[in-house]
Protein backbone atom coordinates (compact mmCIF):
# COMPACT_ATOMS: atom_id res chain seq x y z
CA MET A 1 124.15 105.81 97.82
CA GLU A 2 120.78 104.90 99.30
CA TYR A 3 119.76 101.27 99.38
CA THR A 4 116.50 100.87 97.44
CA LYS A 5 116.25 97.13 96.69
CA GLN A 6 113.14 95.37 97.88
CA PRO A 7 112.65 91.74 99.04
CA ILE A 8 111.96 89.23 96.28
CA THR A 9 110.17 85.85 96.24
CA LEU A 10 111.93 82.49 96.15
CA ALA A 11 110.89 82.02 92.53
CA GLU A 12 112.49 85.38 91.67
CA GLN A 13 115.65 84.38 93.51
CA ILE A 14 115.88 81.21 91.41
CA ASN A 15 115.19 83.15 88.23
CA ILE A 16 118.03 85.56 88.97
CA LEU A 17 120.43 82.69 89.48
CA LYS A 18 119.31 80.98 86.27
CA GLN A 19 119.87 84.21 84.32
CA ARG A 20 123.40 84.29 85.71
CA GLY A 21 124.06 80.74 84.49
CA LEU A 22 123.39 78.49 87.49
CA VAL A 23 121.77 75.21 86.50
CA PHE A 24 118.83 73.80 88.53
CA GLU A 25 117.97 70.13 88.11
CA ASP A 26 114.85 70.41 90.29
CA GLU A 27 113.46 73.90 90.85
CA ASN A 28 110.78 72.75 93.32
CA ALA A 29 113.46 71.14 95.48
CA ALA A 30 115.62 74.25 95.19
CA MET A 31 112.71 76.41 96.27
CA ARG A 32 112.23 74.25 99.40
CA ILE A 33 115.93 74.57 100.21
CA LEU A 34 115.89 78.36 99.75
CA SER A 35 112.93 78.54 102.09
CA GLN A 36 115.12 76.94 104.79
CA ILE A 37 118.61 78.27 103.92
CA SER A 38 118.76 81.91 102.96
CA TYR A 39 119.97 83.16 99.59
CA PHE A 40 122.93 85.02 101.04
CA ARG A 41 124.04 82.11 103.26
CA LEU A 42 124.25 79.92 100.12
CA ALA A 43 125.89 82.78 98.21
CA ASN A 44 129.05 82.17 100.21
CA TYR A 45 129.30 78.79 98.49
CA TRP A 46 128.31 79.61 94.92
CA ARG A 47 130.70 82.59 94.68
CA VAL A 48 133.60 80.23 94.04
CA MET A 49 131.71 79.09 90.90
CA GLU A 50 131.48 82.57 89.39
CA GLU A 51 133.72 83.36 86.44
CA ASN A 52 132.95 87.08 86.76
CA SER A 53 132.39 88.27 90.32
CA SER A 54 131.44 91.84 89.33
CA ILE A 55 128.34 90.71 87.42
CA HIS A 56 128.08 87.38 89.28
CA ARG A 57 128.22 85.33 86.11
CA PHE A 58 128.65 81.59 86.71
CA ARG A 59 131.09 79.32 84.88
CA SER A 60 129.53 77.03 82.37
CA GLY A 61 128.13 73.86 83.99
CA SER A 62 127.75 75.29 87.48
CA LYS A 63 124.96 73.50 89.31
CA PHE A 64 122.83 74.32 92.30
CA SER A 65 123.32 70.77 93.51
CA ALA A 66 127.06 71.42 93.73
CA VAL A 67 126.39 74.53 95.80
CA LEU A 68 124.26 72.49 98.18
CA SER A 69 126.89 69.76 98.40
CA LEU A 70 129.54 72.30 99.37
CA TYR A 71 127.21 73.84 101.95
CA THR A 72 126.48 70.43 103.45
CA PHE A 73 130.18 69.55 103.56
CA ASP A 74 130.89 72.77 105.41
CA SER A 75 128.07 72.05 107.91
CA GLU A 76 129.47 68.58 108.65
CA LEU A 77 133.01 70.00 108.84
CA ARG A 78 131.87 72.49 111.46
CA LEU A 79 130.35 69.71 113.55
CA LEU A 80 133.55 67.65 113.37
CA VAL A 81 135.76 70.62 114.29
CA PHE A 82 133.45 71.85 117.00
CA ASN A 83 133.45 68.46 118.67
CA ALA A 84 137.23 68.24 118.45
CA ILE A 85 137.71 71.69 120.00
CA GLN A 86 135.30 70.71 122.79
CA HIS A 87 137.74 68.01 123.92
CA ILE A 88 140.65 70.45 123.64
CA GLU A 89 138.79 73.11 125.65
CA ILE A 90 137.91 70.71 128.46
CA ALA A 91 141.49 69.34 128.69
CA SER A 92 142.97 72.85 128.62
CA ARG A 93 140.67 74.05 131.32
CA THR A 94 141.62 71.09 133.49
CA LYS A 95 145.37 71.28 132.98
CA ILE A 96 145.62 75.05 133.46
CA ASN A 97 143.60 74.87 136.67
CA GLN A 98 145.57 71.88 138.01
CA HIS A 99 148.95 73.57 137.58
CA PHE A 100 148.01 77.04 138.79
CA ALA A 101 145.76 75.95 141.67
CA MET A 102 148.32 73.53 143.05
CA THR A 103 151.00 76.23 142.85
CA TYR A 104 149.10 79.40 143.87
CA GLY A 105 145.94 78.15 145.59
CA PRO A 106 142.22 78.11 144.74
CA PHE A 107 141.99 81.82 143.82
CA TRP A 108 145.08 82.14 141.61
CA PHE A 109 143.07 83.86 138.84
CA MET A 110 142.33 86.69 141.30
CA ASN A 111 146.00 87.19 142.15
CA ALA A 112 146.99 90.49 140.55
CA SER A 113 150.68 89.74 141.05
CA LEU A 114 150.39 86.90 138.52
CA ALA A 115 148.98 89.17 135.83
CA ALA A 116 151.24 90.47 133.06
CA ASN A 117 148.91 93.37 132.29
CA GLU A 118 146.63 95.13 134.84
CA TYR A 119 144.06 96.22 132.26
CA HIS A 120 143.62 92.70 130.92
CA TYR A 121 143.55 91.36 134.47
CA ASN A 122 140.58 93.59 135.28
CA LYS A 123 138.82 92.78 132.01
CA ASN A 124 139.25 89.02 132.67
CA LEU A 125 137.68 89.35 136.12
CA GLU A 126 134.80 91.33 134.59
CA SER A 127 134.24 88.55 132.09
CA LEU A 128 134.30 85.89 134.82
CA HIS A 129 131.86 87.94 136.89
CA THR A 130 129.43 88.18 133.90
CA GLU A 131 129.74 84.46 133.14
CA LEU A 132 129.08 83.48 136.75
CA ALA A 133 126.09 85.85 136.98
CA ARG A 134 124.32 84.16 134.09
CA CYS A 135 125.23 80.64 135.14
CA HIS A 136 122.44 78.48 136.54
CA ASP A 137 124.48 75.36 137.26
CA GLU A 138 123.62 73.94 140.63
CA PHE A 139 127.18 73.73 141.86
CA ILE A 140 127.57 77.50 141.32
CA GLN A 141 124.22 78.37 142.87
CA GLU A 142 124.95 76.15 145.85
CA HIS A 143 128.37 77.80 146.35
CA PHE A 144 126.86 81.31 146.50
CA ARG A 145 124.14 80.15 148.90
CA LYS A 146 126.80 78.93 151.27
CA TYR A 147 129.72 81.39 150.82
CA ASP A 148 129.87 85.13 150.32
CA SER A 149 133.67 85.58 150.43
CA PRO A 150 135.78 85.80 148.32
CA GLU A 151 133.87 87.30 145.47
CA PHE A 152 134.44 84.32 143.22
CA PRO A 153 134.23 80.56 143.78
CA PRO A 154 137.55 78.67 143.63
CA SER A 155 139.13 78.16 140.25
CA TRP A 156 137.90 74.59 139.87
CA LYS A 157 134.33 75.90 139.99
CA THR A 158 134.82 79.29 138.29
CA LEU A 159 136.77 77.97 135.33
CA GLU A 160 134.13 75.36 134.62
CA VAL A 161 131.69 78.09 133.59
CA ALA A 162 134.29 80.37 131.97
CA SER A 163 134.14 80.59 128.16
CA PHE A 164 136.95 79.24 126.02
CA GLY A 165 137.81 82.83 125.13
CA THR A 166 138.11 83.89 128.79
CA LEU A 167 140.23 80.81 129.58
CA SER A 168 142.55 81.75 126.67
CA LYS A 169 142.84 85.35 127.92
CA LEU A 170 143.51 84.22 131.53
CA TYR A 171 146.39 81.97 130.40
CA LYS A 172 147.71 84.63 128.02
CA ASN A 173 147.93 87.20 130.79
CA MET A 174 149.84 85.04 133.31
CA ASN A 175 153.44 86.01 134.00
CA ASP A 176 154.76 82.75 135.50
CA PHE A 177 156.33 81.49 132.31
CA ASP A 178 157.83 78.38 133.90
CA LEU A 179 154.41 77.23 135.03
CA MET A 180 152.90 78.14 131.69
CA LYS A 181 155.56 76.05 130.03
CA ARG A 182 154.64 73.09 132.25
CA VAL A 183 151.07 73.30 131.04
CA ALA A 184 152.28 73.45 127.43
CA ARG A 185 154.53 70.42 127.94
CA ASP A 186 151.50 68.41 129.09
CA PHE A 187 150.22 68.92 125.55
CA ASP A 188 153.62 68.10 123.95
CA MET A 189 154.20 71.68 122.90
CA PRO A 190 157.75 73.10 123.00
CA GLN A 191 156.99 76.42 124.71
CA HIS A 192 154.11 78.29 126.33
CA GLU A 193 153.95 80.73 123.39
CA TYR A 194 152.52 77.97 121.24
CA LEU A 195 149.84 77.00 123.74
CA ARG A 196 148.95 80.66 124.28
CA ASN A 197 148.68 81.28 120.53
CA TRP A 198 146.87 78.04 119.77
CA LEU A 199 144.28 78.75 122.49
CA GLU A 200 143.60 82.16 120.96
CA SER A 201 143.52 80.79 117.44
CA LEU A 202 141.15 77.89 118.17
CA THR A 203 138.87 80.16 120.19
CA ILE A 204 138.14 81.96 116.94
CA VAL A 205 137.64 78.71 115.03
CA ARG A 206 135.31 77.51 117.77
CA ASN A 207 133.26 80.70 117.50
CA TYR A 208 133.01 80.22 113.73
CA CYS A 209 131.52 76.81 114.38
CA ALA A 210 129.19 77.95 117.17
CA HIS A 211 127.80 80.75 115.03
CA HIS A 212 127.41 78.71 111.83
CA ALA A 213 129.91 80.81 109.95
CA ARG A 214 131.59 79.48 106.80
CA LEU A 215 134.61 77.44 107.81
CA TRP A 216 135.73 75.65 104.66
CA ASN A 217 137.49 78.51 102.84
CA ALA A 218 137.63 81.08 105.65
CA HIS A 219 140.53 83.45 106.29
CA PHE A 220 141.53 83.74 109.94
CA ALA A 221 142.95 86.92 111.48
CA VAL A 222 144.82 85.01 114.21
CA ARG A 223 147.20 82.51 112.71
CA PRO A 224 148.61 79.58 114.64
CA LYS A 225 152.33 79.58 115.31
CA MET A 226 154.10 76.84 113.34
CA THR A 227 157.44 75.23 114.13
CA SER A 228 159.25 72.06 113.13
CA ARG A 229 160.26 71.47 116.76
CA MET A 230 157.23 69.55 117.92
CA ARG A 231 157.59 66.57 120.21
CA GLN A 232 155.18 64.17 118.52
CA ARG A 233 154.07 63.37 114.94
CA TRP A 234 153.85 66.62 113.05
CA ILE A 235 154.24 68.14 109.58
CA SER A 236 157.42 68.96 107.62
CA ASN A 237 156.05 71.10 104.78
CA PHE A 238 155.23 74.65 105.91
CA ASN A 239 154.61 76.00 102.44
CA PHE A 240 150.91 76.85 102.80
CA PRO A 241 148.79 79.99 103.44
CA ASN A 242 148.84 80.41 107.20
CA ASP A 243 145.54 82.25 107.39
CA ARG A 244 143.47 79.32 106.08
CA LEU A 245 141.92 76.29 107.75
CA TYR A 246 144.77 73.78 107.14
CA PRO A 247 147.16 75.00 109.91
CA GLN A 248 144.18 75.22 112.28
CA LEU A 249 143.31 71.61 111.56
CA CYS A 250 146.92 70.62 112.05
CA CYS A 251 146.88 72.19 115.52
CA ILE A 252 143.62 70.41 116.34
CA ALA A 253 144.96 67.02 115.15
CA TYR A 254 148.22 67.42 117.10
CA TRP A 255 146.52 68.64 120.26
CA LEU A 256 143.98 65.78 120.19
CA ASN A 257 146.83 63.27 119.80
CA SER A 258 148.42 64.61 122.97
CA ILE A 259 145.12 64.28 124.84
CA ASN A 260 143.98 60.95 123.46
CA PRO A 261 146.24 59.06 121.02
CA GLN A 262 143.25 56.87 120.08
CA ASN A 263 141.16 59.79 118.77
CA THR A 264 139.73 59.43 115.28
CA PHE A 265 139.84 63.04 114.11
CA VAL A 266 142.21 62.43 111.16
CA GLN A 267 140.25 59.44 109.97
CA ASP A 268 136.96 61.25 110.34
CA PHE A 269 138.24 64.22 108.37
CA LYS A 270 139.54 62.01 105.57
CA SER A 271 136.20 60.19 105.49
CA LEU A 272 134.44 63.51 105.16
CA LEU A 273 136.56 64.35 102.09
CA THR A 274 135.80 60.95 100.63
CA LYS A 275 132.07 61.57 101.12
CA TYR A 276 132.36 64.84 99.23
CA PRO A 277 134.85 64.18 96.40
CA SER A 278 134.11 67.50 94.67
CA VAL A 279 135.59 69.45 97.60
CA GLN A 280 139.13 70.60 96.85
CA PRO A 281 141.37 70.52 99.98
CA SER A 282 143.45 73.32 98.38
CA MET A 283 140.49 75.70 99.03
CA MET A 284 141.17 75.11 102.74
CA GLY A 285 144.89 75.80 102.32
CA PHE A 286 145.99 72.19 102.16
CA PRO A 287 149.34 71.88 100.31
CA PRO A 288 150.08 69.11 97.74
CA GLY A 289 151.09 65.90 99.41
CA TRP A 290 149.52 66.70 102.76
CA GLU A 291 148.26 63.08 103.10
CA SER A 292 151.85 61.84 103.38
CA GLU A 293 152.64 64.05 106.39
CA PRO A 294 153.15 62.00 109.58
CA LEU A 295 150.42 63.94 111.34
CA TRP A 296 147.83 63.00 108.68
CA GLN A 297 148.68 59.32 108.28
């Protein structure tokens, strides 16, 4: 089928939504909002209000203001999560480098004998090469002005400009499981498999935040490993959809507690829910009684 639809004005967009049953308290304000936030970005938030998704008919009483409230909640949630993952990324980068550099020297990431898979080893070095080439930080530029061998700066410089995704892939492809476990234990995780999986999982969440994707009711392809055998305050109820945001937030809260026990992530998240009482935690995969879990108290 050939696509034949043509662009429509903001007034026409509002008229379509009104015909489908969405209530506008202030159409002029709605028009200003639609001039700044596109129709199909907001559509991700009003779809949960549809009683018939095939004809996009809204449930009775559905309001544009509720759509905007949900959108704003999601925007603030992304900022909160992105900031939290920033702390996790920096700590992970530091710990991984400390352990591997002290054991294998400044160029451990170039050591092919430490790689579990040759293909991924080569791809990781390609990624590092690309990230260094586009880096304009003075400490990298100064290094290359002074040294031309080896090809890469030492790990404590190179890893500072590596993306979270590349860091995750480097750790995942290491074959020294004892050393990997030591890094994991620094974050109070029982085994390196959890750190490896959580790094990969939170890389995806971080990318959702960085690219302004919907976070609140998203489904995630990479699901964090869950176990009851954690070393610090954790959860006991594992009866929840593991592809939603709740397990991701549990990982973030636990990880932050291991880095800085005085962090305010849990309190900040609860305050956000209080600010937006219409938001249902169940849409993010939160199970009943989640507030009573030790992790969330």
